Amino acid sequence: PIPALNLLKEFEDGVEDYFAPGFELIALGEDDGGYPQLSDRIRP
């Protein structure tokens, strides 16, 4: 639900390798980033 992330996803899908070191989009908010105590206030 973030237009900039949708555009970034289109870009990511159109390249064959990393455009930033180690950076990969994941499903928005479906992860707690390893910090479950923060999950109500973060959207990985």
ModelCIF file with pLDDT and N, C-alpha, C, O atoms, coordinates in Angstrom:
data_MODEL
#
_entry.id   MODEL 
#
_entity.id                         1 
_entity.type                       polymer 
_entity.pdbx_number_of_molecules   1 
#
_entity_poly.entity_id                      1 
_entity_poly.type                           'polypeptide(L)' 
_entity_poly.nstd_linkage                   no 
_entity_poly.nstd_monomer                   no 
_entity_poly.pdbx_seq_one_letter_code       PIPALNLLKEFEDGVEDYFAPGFELIALGEDDGGYPQLSDRIRP 
_entity_poly.pdbx_seq_one_letter_code_can   PIPALNLLKEFEDGVEDYFAPGFELIALGEDDGGYPQLSDRIRP 
_entity_poly.pdbx_strand_id                 A 
#
loop_
_entity_poly_seq.entity_id 
_entity_poly_seq.num 
_entity_poly_seq.mon_id 
_entity_poly_seq.hetero 
1 1  PRO n 
1 2  ILE n 
1 3  PRO n 
1 4  ALA n 
1 5  LEU n 
1 6  ASN n 
1 7  LEU n 
1 8  LEU n 
1 9  LYS n 
1 10 GLU n 
1 11 PHE n 
1 12 GLU n 
1 13 ASP n 
1 14 GLY n 
1 15 VAL n 
1 16 GLU n 
1 17 ASP n 
1 18 TYR n 
1 19 PHE n 
1 20 ALA n 
1 21 PRO n 
1 22 GLY n 
1 23 PHE n 
1 24 GLU n 
1 25 LEU n 
1 26 ILE n 
1 27 ALA n 
1 28 LEU n 
1 29 GLY n 
1 30 GLU n 
1 31 ASP n 
1 32 ASP n 
1 33 GLY n 
1 34 GLY n 
1 35 TYR n 
1 36 PRO n 
1 37 GLN n 
1 38 LEU n 
1 39 SER n 
1 40 ASP n 
1 41 ARG n 
1 42 ILE n 
1 43 ARG n 
1 44 PRO n 
#
_struct_asym.id          A 
_struct_asym.entity_id   1 
#
loop_
_ma_qa_metric.id 
_ma_qa_metric.mode 
_ma_qa_metric.name 
_ma_qa_metric.software_group_id 
_ma_qa_metric.type 
1 global pLDDT . pLDDT 
2 local  pLDDT . pLDDT 
#
_ma_qa_metric_global.metric_id      1 
_ma_qa_metric_global.metric_value   94.84 
_ma_qa_metric_global.model_id       1 
_ma_qa_metric_global.ordinal_id     1 
#
loop_
_ma_qa_metric_local.label_asym_id 
_ma_qa_metric_local.label_comp_id 
_ma_qa_metric_local.label_seq_id 
_ma_qa_metric_local.metric_id 
_ma_qa_metric_local.metric_value 
_ma_qa_metric_local.model_id 
_ma_qa_metric_local.ordinal_id 
A PRO 1  2 92.00 1 1  
A ILE 2  2 95.00 1 2  
A PRO 3  2 96.00 1 3  
A ALA 4  2 96.00 1 4  
A LEU 5  2 96.00 1 5  
A ASN 6  2 96.00 1 6  
A LEU 7  2 97.00 1 7  
A LEU 8  2 97.00 1 8  
A LYS 9  2 97.00 1 9  
A GLU 10 2 97.00 1 10 
A PHE 11 2 98.00 1 11 
A GLU 12 2 97.00 1 12 
A ASP 13 2 97.00 1 13 
A GLY 14 2 97.00 1 14 
A VAL 15 2 97.00 1 15 
A GLU 16 2 95.00 1 16 
A ASP 17 2 95.00 1 17 
A TYR 18 2 95.00 1 18 
A PHE 19 2 97.00 1 19 
A ALA 20 2 96.00 1 20 
A PRO 21 2 94.00 1 21 
A GLY 22 2 94.00 1 22 
A PHE 23 2 97.00 1 23 
A GLU 24 2 96.00 1 24 
A LEU 25 2 97.00 1 25 
A ILE 26 2 96.00 1 26 
A ALA 27 2 94.00 1 27 
A LEU 28 2 93.00 1 28 
A GLY 29 2 88.00 1 29 
A GLU 30 2 88.00 1 30 
A ASP 31 2 87.00 1 31 
A ASP 32 2 91.00 1 32 
A GLY 33 2 90.00 1 33 
A GLY 34 2 92.00 1 34 
A TYR 35 2 93.00 1 35 
A PRO 36 2 94.00 1 36 
A GLN 37 2 95.00 1 37 
A LEU 38 2 96.00 1 38 
A SER 39 2 94.00 1 39 
A ASP 40 2 95.00 1 40 
A ARG 41 2 96.00 1 41 
A ILE 42 2 97.00 1 42 
A ARG 43 2 96.00 1 43 
A PRO 44 2 97.00 1 44 
#
loop_
_atom_site.group_PDB 
_atom_site.id 
_atom_site.type_symbol 
_atom_site.label_atom_id 
_atom_site.label_alt_id 
_atom_site.label_comp_id 
_atom_site.label_asym_id 
_atom_site.label_entity_id 
_atom_site.label_seq_id 
_atom_site.pdbx_PDB_ins_code 
_atom_site.Cartn_x 
_atom_site.Cartn_y 
_atom_site.Cartn_z 
_atom_site.occupancy 
_atom_site.B_iso_or_equiv 
_atom_site.pdbx_formal_charge 
_atom_site.auth_seq_id 
_atom_site.auth_comp_id 
_atom_site.auth_asym_id 
_atom_site.auth_atom_id 
_atom_site.pdbx_PDB_model_num 
ATOM 1   N N  . PRO A 1 1  ? 0.819  -1.219  0.000   1.00 92.00 ? 1  PRO A N  1 
ATOM 2   C CA . PRO A 1 1  ? 0.000  0.000   0.000   1.00 92.00 ? 1  PRO A CA 1 
ATOM 3   C C  . PRO A 1 1  ? 0.856  1.274   0.000   1.00 92.00 ? 1  PRO A C  1 
ATOM 4   O O  . PRO A 1 1  ? 0.401  2.336   0.424   1.00 92.00 ? 1  PRO A O  1 
ATOM 5   N N  . ILE A 1 2  ? 2.076  1.157   -0.471  1.00 95.00 ? 2  ILE A N  1 
ATOM 6   C CA . ILE A 1 2  ? 3.014  2.277   -0.530  1.00 95.00 ? 2  ILE A CA 1 
ATOM 7   C C  . ILE A 1 2  ? 3.456  2.407   -1.988  1.00 95.00 ? 2  ILE A C  1 
ATOM 8   O O  . ILE A 1 2  ? 4.227  1.575   -2.466  1.00 95.00 ? 2  ILE A O  1 
ATOM 9   N N  . PRO A 1 3  ? 2.989  3.420   -2.697  1.00 96.00 ? 3  PRO A N  1 
ATOM 10  C CA . PRO A 1 3  ? 3.334  3.552   -4.120  1.00 96.00 ? 3  PRO A CA 1 
ATOM 11  C C  . PRO A 1 3  ? 4.831  3.463   -4.413  1.00 96.00 ? 3  PRO A C  1 
ATOM 12  O O  . PRO A 1 3  ? 5.223  2.838   -5.398  1.00 96.00 ? 3  PRO A O  1 
ATOM 13  N N  . ALA A 1 4  ? 5.668  4.069   -3.588  1.00 96.00 ? 4  ALA A N  1 
ATOM 14  C CA . ALA A 1 4  ? 7.116  4.030   -3.833  1.00 96.00 ? 4  ALA A CA 1 
ATOM 15  C C  . ALA A 1 4  ? 7.647  2.603   -3.773  1.00 96.00 ? 4  ALA A C  1 
ATOM 16  O O  . ALA A 1 4  ? 8.543  2.246   -4.538  1.00 96.00 ? 4  ALA A O  1 
ATOM 17  N N  . LEU A 1 5  ? 7.105  1.783   -2.872  1.00 96.00 ? 5  LEU A N  1 
ATOM 18  C CA . LEU A 1 5  ? 7.545  0.387   -2.801  1.00 96.00 ? 5  LEU A CA 1 
ATOM 19  C C  . LEU A 1 5  ? 7.052  -0.399  -4.007  1.00 96.00 ? 5  LEU A C  1 
ATOM 20  O O  . LEU A 1 5  ? 7.747  -1.299  -4.478  1.00 96.00 ? 5  LEU A O  1 
ATOM 21  N N  . ASN A 1 6  ? 5.881  -0.081  -4.510  1.00 96.00 ? 6  ASN A N  1 
ATOM 22  C CA . ASN A 1 6  ? 5.397  -0.749  -5.720  1.00 96.00 ? 6  ASN A CA 1 
ATOM 23  C C  . ASN A 1 6  ? 6.309  -0.441  -6.903  1.00 96.00 ? 6  ASN A C  1 
ATOM 24  O O  . ASN A 1 6  ? 6.631  -1.329  -7.693  1.00 96.00 ? 6  ASN A O  1 
ATOM 25  N N  . LEU A 1 7  ? 6.723  0.816   -7.021  1.00 97.00 ? 7  LEU A N  1 
ATOM 26  C CA . LEU A 1 7  ? 7.647  1.188   -8.086  1.00 97.00 ? 7  LEU A CA 1 
ATOM 27  C C  . LEU A 1 7  ? 8.994  0.491   -7.903  1.00 97.00 ? 7  LEU A C  1 
ATOM 28  O O  . LEU A 1 7  ? 9.602  0.038   -8.873  1.00 97.00 ? 7  LEU A O  1 
ATOM 29  N N  . LEU A 1 8  ? 9.456  0.408   -6.655  1.00 97.00 ? 8  LEU A N  1 
ATOM 30  C CA . LEU A 1 8  ? 10.719 -0.266  -6.369  1.00 97.00 ? 8  LEU A CA 1 
ATOM 31  C C  . LEU A 1 8  ? 10.620 -1.752  -6.710  1.00 97.00 ? 8  LEU A C  1 
ATOM 32  O O  . LEU A 1 8  ? 11.574 -2.335  -7.226  1.00 97.00 ? 8  LEU A O  1 
ATOM 33  N N  . LYS A 1 9  ? 9.489  -2.357  -6.428  1.00 97.00 ? 9  LYS A N  1 
ATOM 34  C CA . LYS A 1 9  ? 9.271  -3.772  -6.757  1.00 97.00 ? 9  LYS A CA 1 
ATOM 35  C C  . LYS A 1 9  ? 9.336  -3.982  -8.272  1.00 97.00 ? 9  LYS A C  1 
ATOM 36  O O  . LYS A 1 9  ? 9.942  -4.947  -8.738  1.00 97.00 ? 9  LYS A O  1 
ATOM 37  N N  . GLU A 1 10 ? 8.721  -3.090  -9.032  1.00 97.00 ? 10 GLU A N  1 
ATOM 38  C CA . GLU A 1 10 ? 8.801  -3.180  -10.502 1.00 97.00 ? 10 GLU A CA 1 
ATOM 39  C C  . GLU A 1 10 ? 10.252 -3.084  -10.957 1.00 97.00 ? 10 GLU A C  1 
ATOM 40  O O  . GLU A 1 10 ? 10.682 -3.839  -11.829 1.00 97.00 ? 10 GLU A O  1 
ATOM 41  N N  . PHE A 1 11 ? 11.004 -2.161  -10.370 1.00 98.00 ? 11 PHE A N  1 
ATOM 42  C CA . PHE A 1 11 ? 12.415 -2.025  -10.726 1.00 98.00 ? 11 PHE A CA 1 
ATOM 43  C C  . PHE A 1 11 ? 13.167 -3.302  -10.368 1.00 98.00 ? 11 PHE A C  1 
ATOM 44  O O  . PHE A 1 11 ? 13.897 -3.843  -11.199 1.00 98.00 ? 11 PHE A O  1 
ATOM 45  N N  . GLU A 1 12 ? 12.998 -3.786  -9.148  1.00 97.00 ? 12 GLU A N  1 
ATOM 46  C CA . GLU A 1 12 ? 13.699 -4.987  -8.695  1.00 97.00 ? 12 GLU A CA 1 
ATOM 47  C C  . GLU A 1 12 ? 13.402 -6.175  -9.605  1.00 97.00 ? 12 GLU A C  1 
ATOM 48  O O  . GLU A 1 12 ? 14.299 -6.948  -9.940  1.00 97.00 ? 12 GLU A O  1 
ATOM 49  N N  . ASP A 1 13 ? 12.145 -6.315  -10.001 1.00 97.00 ? 13 ASP A N  1 
ATOM 50  C CA . ASP A 1 13 ? 11.768 -7.424  -10.877 1.00 97.00 ? 13 ASP A CA 1 
ATOM 51  C C  . ASP A 1 13 ? 12.374 -7.302  -12.277 1.00 97.00 ? 13 ASP A C  1 
ATOM 52  O O  . ASP A 1 13 ? 12.462 -8.289  -13.007 1.00 97.00 ? 13 ASP A O  1 
ATOM 53  N N  . GLY A 1 14 ? 12.789 -6.094  -12.647 1.00 97.00 ? 14 GLY A N  1 
ATOM 54  C CA . GLY A 1 14 ? 13.333 -5.863  -13.976 1.00 97.00 ? 14 GLY A CA 1 
ATOM 55  C C  . GLY A 1 14 ? 14.845 -5.963  -14.089 1.00 97.00 ? 14 GLY A C  1 
ATOM 56  O O  . GLY A 1 14 ? 15.388 -5.864  -15.189 1.00 97.00 ? 14 GLY A O  1 
ATOM 57  N N  . VAL A 1 15 ? 15.537 -6.158  -12.966 1.00 97.00 ? 15 VAL A N  1 
ATOM 58  C CA . VAL A 1 15 ? 16.995 -6.299  -13.002 1.00 97.00 ? 15 VAL A CA 1 
ATOM 59  C C  . VAL A 1 15 ? 17.372 -7.720  -12.609 1.00 97.00 ? 15 VAL A C  1 
ATOM 60  O O  . VAL A 1 15 ? 16.595 -8.433  -11.973 1.00 97.00 ? 15 VAL A O  1 
ATOM 61  N N  . GLU A 1 16 ? 18.563 -8.112  -12.994 1.00 95.00 ? 16 GLU A N  1 
ATOM 62  C CA . GLU A 1 16 ? 18.977 -9.502  -12.778 1.00 95.00 ? 16 GLU A CA 1 
ATOM 63  C C  . GLU A 1 16 ? 19.888 -9.705  -11.582 1.00 95.00 ? 16 GLU A C  1 
ATOM 64  O O  . GLU A 1 16 ? 20.211 -10.842 -11.239 1.00 95.00 ? 16 GLU A O  1 
ATOM 65  N N  . ASP A 1 17 ? 20.306 -8.631  -10.947 1.00 95.00 ? 17 ASP A N  1 
ATOM 66  C CA . ASP A 1 17 ? 21.248 -8.767  -9.834  1.00 95.00 ? 17 ASP A CA 1 
ATOM 67  C C  . ASP A 1 17 ? 20.957 -7.680  -8.808  1.00 95.00 ? 17 ASP A C  1 
ATOM 68  O O  . ASP A 1 17 ? 20.042 -6.876  -8.987  1.00 95.00 ? 17 ASP A O  1 
ATOM 69  N N  . TYR A 1 18 ? 21.735 -7.660  -7.740  1.00 95.00 ? 18 TYR A N  1 
ATOM 70  C CA . TYR A 1 18 ? 21.540 -6.668  -6.681  1.00 95.00 ? 18 TYR A CA 1 
ATOM 71  C C  . TYR A 1 18 ? 21.751 -5.251  -7.193  1.00 95.00 ? 18 TYR A C  1 
ATOM 72  O O  . TYR A 1 18 ? 22.679 -4.988  -7.959  1.00 95.00 ? 18 TYR A O  1 
ATOM 73  N N  . PHE A 1 19 ? 20.875 -4.333  -6.759  1.00 97.00 ? 19 PHE A N  1 
ATOM 74  C CA . PHE A 1 19 ? 21.066 -2.915  -7.065  1.00 97.00 ? 19 PHE A CA 1 
ATOM 75  C C  . PHE A 1 19 ? 21.533 -2.162  -5.834  1.00 97.00 ? 19 PHE A C  1 
ATOM 76  O O  . PHE A 1 19 ? 21.973 -1.018  -5.937  1.00 97.00 ? 19 PHE A O  1 
ATOM 77  N N  . ALA A 1 20 ? 21.445 -2.783  -4.680  1.00 96.00 ? 20 ALA A N  1 
ATOM 78  C CA . ALA A 1 20 ? 21.999 -2.293  -3.416  1.00 96.00 ? 20 ALA A CA 1 
ATOM 79  C C  . ALA A 1 20 ? 22.491 -3.549  -2.690  1.00 96.00 ? 20 ALA A C  1 
ATOM 80  O O  . ALA A 1 20 ? 21.811 -4.574  -2.727  1.00 96.00 ? 20 ALA A O  1 
ATOM 81  N N  . PRO A 1 21 ? 23.640 -3.497  -2.039  1.00 94.00 ? 21 PRO A N  1 
ATOM 82  C CA . PRO A 1 21 ? 24.213 -4.705  -1.439  1.00 94.00 ? 21 PRO A CA 1 
ATOM 83  C C  . PRO A 1 21 ? 23.260 -5.418  -0.485  1.00 94.00 ? 21 PRO A C  1 
ATOM 84  O O  . PRO A 1 21 ? 22.809 -4.835  0.500   1.00 94.00 ? 21 PRO A O  1 
ATOM 85  N N  . GLY A 1 22 ? 22.956 -6.678  -0.780  1.00 94.00 ? 22 GLY A N  1 
ATOM 86  C CA . GLY A 1 22 ? 22.131 -7.509  0.094   1.00 94.00 ? 22 GLY A CA 1 
ATOM 87  C C  . GLY A 1 22 ? 20.671 -7.149  0.165   1.00 94.00 ? 22 GLY A C  1 
ATOM 88  O O  . GLY A 1 22 ? 19.924 -7.800  0.895   1.00 94.00 ? 22 GLY A O  1 
ATOM 89  N N  . PHE A 1 23 ? 20.226 -6.139  -0.562  1.00 97.00 ? 23 PHE A N  1 
ATOM 90  C CA . PHE A 1 23 ? 18.849 -5.646  -0.466  1.00 97.00 ? 23 PHE A CA 1 
ATOM 91  C C  . PHE A 1 23 ? 17.916 -6.490  -1.323  1.00 97.00 ? 23 PHE A C  1 
ATOM 92  O O  . PHE A 1 23 ? 18.165 -6.718  -2.507  1.00 97.00 ? 23 PHE A O  1 
ATOM 93  N N  . GLU A 1 24 ? 16.823 -6.955  -0.691  1.00 96.00 ? 24 GLU A N  1 
ATOM 94  C CA . GLU A 1 24 ? 15.775 -7.685  -1.397  1.00 96.00 ? 24 GLU A CA 1 
ATOM 95  C C  . GLU A 1 24 ? 14.443 -7.383  -0.729  1.00 96.00 ? 24 GLU A C  1 
ATOM 96  O O  . GLU A 1 24 ? 14.309 -7.487  0.491   1.00 96.00 ? 24 GLU A O  1 
ATOM 97  N N  . LEU A 1 25 ? 13.471 -7.011  -1.528  1.00 97.00 ? 25 LEU A N  1 
ATOM 98  C CA . LEU A 1 25 ? 12.137 -6.772  -0.977  1.00 97.00 ? 25 LEU A CA 1 
ATOM 99  C C  . LEU A 1 25 ? 11.532 -8.077  -0.488  1.00 97.00 ? 25 LEU A C  1 
ATOM 100 O O  . LEU A 1 25 ? 11.757 -9.135  -1.075  1.00 97.00 ? 25 LEU A O  1 
ATOM 101 N N  . ILE A 1 26 ? 10.765 -7.992  0.588   1.00 96.00 ? 26 ILE A N  1 
ATOM 102 C CA . ILE A 1 26 ? 10.018 -9.130  1.123   1.00 96.00 ? 26 ILE A CA 1 
ATOM 103 C C  . ILE A 1 26 ? 8.556  -8.708  1.228   1.00 96.00 ? 26 ILE A C  1 
ATOM 104 O O  . ILE A 1 26 ? 8.238  -7.529  1.073   1.00 96.00 ? 26 ILE A O  1 
ATOM 105 N N  . ALA A 1 27 ? 7.680  -9.649  1.487   1.00 94.00 ? 27 ALA A N  1 
ATOM 106 C CA . ALA A 1 27 ? 6.260  -9.326  1.646   1.00 94.00 ? 27 ALA A CA 1 
ATOM 107 C C  . ALA A 1 27 ? 6.098  -8.352  2.811   1.00 94.00 ? 27 ALA A C  1 
ATOM 108 O O  . ALA A 1 27 ? 6.537  -8.631  3.927   1.00 94.00 ? 27 ALA A O  1 
ATOM 109 N N  . LEU A 1 28 ? 5.474  -7.222  2.548   1.00 93.00 ? 28 LEU A N  1 
ATOM 110 C CA . LEU A 1 28 ? 5.324  -6.160  3.542   1.00 93.00 ? 28 LEU A CA 1 
ATOM 111 C C  . LEU A 1 28 ? 4.594  -6.654  4.794   1.00 93.00 ? 28 LEU A C  1 
ATOM 112 O O  . LEU A 1 28 ? 3.465  -7.138  4.718   1.00 93.00 ? 28 LEU A O  1 
ATOM 113 N N  . GLY A 1 29 ? 5.250  -6.526  5.930   1.00 88.00 ? 29 GLY A N  1 
ATOM 114 C CA . GLY A 1 29 ? 4.637  -6.807  7.222   1.00 88.00 ? 29 GLY A CA 1 
ATOM 115 C C  . GLY A 1 29 ? 4.391  -8.258  7.549   1.00 88.00 ? 29 GLY A C  1 
ATOM 116 O O  . GLY A 1 29 ? 3.757  -8.547  8.564   1.00 88.00 ? 29 GLY A O  1 
ATOM 117 N N  . GLU A 1 30 ? 4.865  -9.192  6.732   1.00 88.00 ? 30 GLU A N  1 
ATOM 118 C CA . GLU A 1 30 ? 4.630  -10.608 7.012   1.00 88.00 ? 30 GLU A CA 1 
ATOM 119 C C  . GLU A 1 30 ? 5.768  -11.245 7.803   1.00 88.00 ? 30 GLU A C  1 
ATOM 120 O O  . GLU A 1 30 ? 5.842  -12.468 7.915   1.00 88.00 ? 30 GLU A O  1 
ATOM 121 N N  . ASP A 1 31 ? 6.625  -10.439 8.334   1.00 87.00 ? 31 ASP A N  1 
ATOM 122 C CA . ASP A 1 31 ? 7.800  -10.896 9.062   1.00 87.00 ? 31 ASP A CA 1 
ATOM 123 C C  . ASP A 1 31 ? 7.943  -9.962  10.256  1.00 87.00 ? 31 ASP A C  1 
ATOM 124 O O  . ASP A 1 31 ? 7.446  -8.836  10.217  1.00 87.00 ? 31 ASP A O  1 
ATOM 125 N N  . ASP A 1 32 ? 8.602  -10.398 11.299  1.00 91.00 ? 32 ASP A N  1 
ATOM 126 C CA . ASP A 1 32 ? 8.824  -9.495  12.434  1.00 91.00 ? 32 ASP A CA 1 
ATOM 127 C C  . ASP A 1 32 ? 10.281 -9.043  12.498  1.00 91.00 ? 32 ASP A C  1 
ATOM 128 O O  . ASP A 1 32 ? 10.685 -8.383  13.455  1.00 91.00 ? 32 ASP A O  1 
ATOM 129 N N  . GLY A 1 33 ? 11.067 -9.394  11.486  1.00 90.00 ? 33 GLY A N  1 
ATOM 130 C CA . GLY A 1 33 ? 12.460 -8.972  11.439  1.00 90.00 ? 33 GLY A CA 1 
ATOM 131 C C  . GLY A 1 33 ? 13.298 -9.541  12.565  1.00 90.00 ? 33 GLY A C  1 
ATOM 132 O O  . GLY A 1 33 ? 14.388 -9.037  12.835  1.00 90.00 ? 33 GLY A O  1 
ATOM 133 N N  . GLY A 1 34 ? 12.814 -10.580 13.227  1.00 92.00 ? 34 GLY A N  1 
ATOM 134 C CA . GLY A 1 34 ? 13.537 -11.169 14.342  1.00 92.00 ? 34 GLY A CA 1 
ATOM 135 C C  . GLY A 1 34 ? 13.260 -10.493 15.678  1.00 92.00 ? 34 GLY A C  1 
ATOM 136 O O  . GLY A 1 34 ? 13.897 -10.806 16.684  1.00 92.00 ? 34 GLY A O  1 
ATOM 137 N N  . TYR A 1 35 ? 12.307 -9.564  15.684  1.00 93.00 ? 35 TYR A N  1 
ATOM 138 C CA . TYR A 1 35 ? 11.971 -8.823  16.900  1.00 93.00 ? 35 TYR A CA 1 
ATOM 139 C C  . TYR A 1 35 ? 10.458 -8.870  17.113  1.00 93.00 ? 35 TYR A C  1 
ATOM 140 O O  . TYR A 1 35 ? 9.773  -7.880  16.857  1.00 93.00 ? 35 TYR A O  1 
ATOM 141 N N  . PRO A 1 36 ? 9.928  -10.003 17.576  1.00 94.00 ? 36 PRO A N  1 
ATOM 142 C CA . PRO A 1 36 ? 8.468  -10.136 17.718  1.00 94.00 ? 36 PRO A CA 1 
ATOM 143 C C  . PRO A 1 36 ? 7.849  -9.104  18.652  1.00 94.00 ? 36 PRO A C  1 
ATOM 144 O O  . PRO A 1 36 ? 6.679  -8.754  18.493  1.00 94.00 ? 36 PRO A O  1 
ATOM 145 N N  . GLN A 1 37 ? 8.608  -8.615  19.619  1.00 95.00 ? 37 GLN A N  1 
ATOM 146 C CA . GLN A 1 37 ? 8.079  -7.633  20.558  1.00 95.00 ? 37 GLN A CA 1 
ATOM 147 C C  . GLN A 1 37 ? 7.791  -6.286  19.893  1.00 95.00 ? 37 GLN A C  1 
ATOM 148 O O  . GLN A 1 37 ? 7.121  -5.438  20.482  1.00 95.00 ? 37 GLN A O  1 
ATOM 149 N N  . LEU A 1 38 ? 8.288  -6.084  18.679  1.00 96.00 ? 38 LEU A N  1 
ATOM 150 C CA . LEU A 1 38 ? 8.064  -4.831  17.958  1.00 96.00 ? 38 LEU A CA 1 
ATOM 151 C C  . LEU A 1 38 ? 6.980  -4.951  16.890  1.00 96.00 ? 38 LEU A C  1 
ATOM 152 O O  . LEU A 1 38 ? 6.634  -3.955  16.255  1.00 96.00 ? 38 LEU A O  1 
ATOM 153 N N  . SER A 1 39 ? 6.447  -6.133  16.684  1.00 94.00 ? 39 SER A N  1 
ATOM 154 C CA . SER A 1 39 ? 5.612  -6.409  15.513  1.00 94.00 ? 39 SER A CA 1 
ATOM 155 C C  . SER A 1 39 ? 4.372  -5.529  15.371  1.00 94.00 ? 39 SER A C  1 
ATOM 156 O O  . SER A 1 39 ? 3.884  -5.352  14.255  1.00 94.00 ? 39 SER A O  1 
ATOM 157 N N  . ASP A 1 40 ? 3.847  -4.973  16.463  1.00 95.00 ? 40 ASP A N  1 
ATOM 158 C CA . ASP A 1 40 ? 2.663  -4.118  16.325  1.00 95.00 ? 40 ASP A CA 1 
ATOM 159 C C  . ASP A 1 40 ? 3.000  -2.718  15.827  1.00 95.00 ? 40 ASP A C  1 
ATOM 160 O O  . ASP A 1 40 ? 2.096  -1.974  15.445  1.00 95.00 ? 40 ASP A O  1 
ATOM 161 N N  . ARG A 1 41 ? 4.288  -2.337  15.821  1.00 96.00 ? 41 ARG A N  1 
ATOM 162 C CA . ARG A 1 41 ? 4.669  -0.973  15.416  1.00 96.00 ? 41 ARG A CA 1 
ATOM 163 C C  . ARG A 1 41 ? 5.674  -0.928  14.258  1.00 96.00 ? 41 ARG A C  1 
ATOM 164 O O  . ARG A 1 41 ? 6.197  0.139   13.938  1.00 96.00 ? 41 ARG A O  1 
ATOM 165 N N  . ILE A 1 42 ? 5.945  -2.069  13.636  1.00 97.00 ? 42 ILE A N  1 
ATOM 166 C CA . ILE A 1 42 ? 6.850  -2.075  12.485  1.00 97.00 ? 42 ILE A CA 1 
ATOM 167 C C  . ILE A 1 42 ? 6.215  -2.845  11.336  1.00 97.00 ? 42 ILE A C  1 
ATOM 168 O O  . ILE A 1 42 ? 5.366  -3.713  11.537  1.00 97.00 ? 42 ILE A O  1 
ATOM 169 N N  . ARG A 1 43 ? 6.645  -2.508  10.138  1.00 96.00 ? 43 ARG A N  1 
ATOM 170 C CA . ARG A 1 43 ? 6.221  -3.233  8.943   1.00 96.00 ? 43 ARG A CA 1 
ATOM 171 C C  . ARG A 1 43 ? 7.477  -3.542  8.128   1.00 96.00 ? 43 ARG A C  1 
ATOM 172 O O  . ARG A 1 43 ? 7.867  -2.758  7.263   1.00 96.00 ? 43 ARG A O  1 
ATOM 173 N N  . PRO A 1 44 ? 8.115  -4.698  8.407   1.00 97.00 ? 44 PRO A N  1 
ATOM 174 C CA . PRO A 1 44 ? 9.288  -5.075  7.621   1.00 97.00 ? 44 PRO A CA 1 
ATOM 175 C C  . PRO A 1 44 ? 8.932  -5.165  6.135   1.00 97.00 ? 44 PRO A C  1 
ATOM 176 O O  . PRO A 1 44 ? 9.795  -5.471  5.312   1.00 97.00 ? 44 PRO A O  1 
#
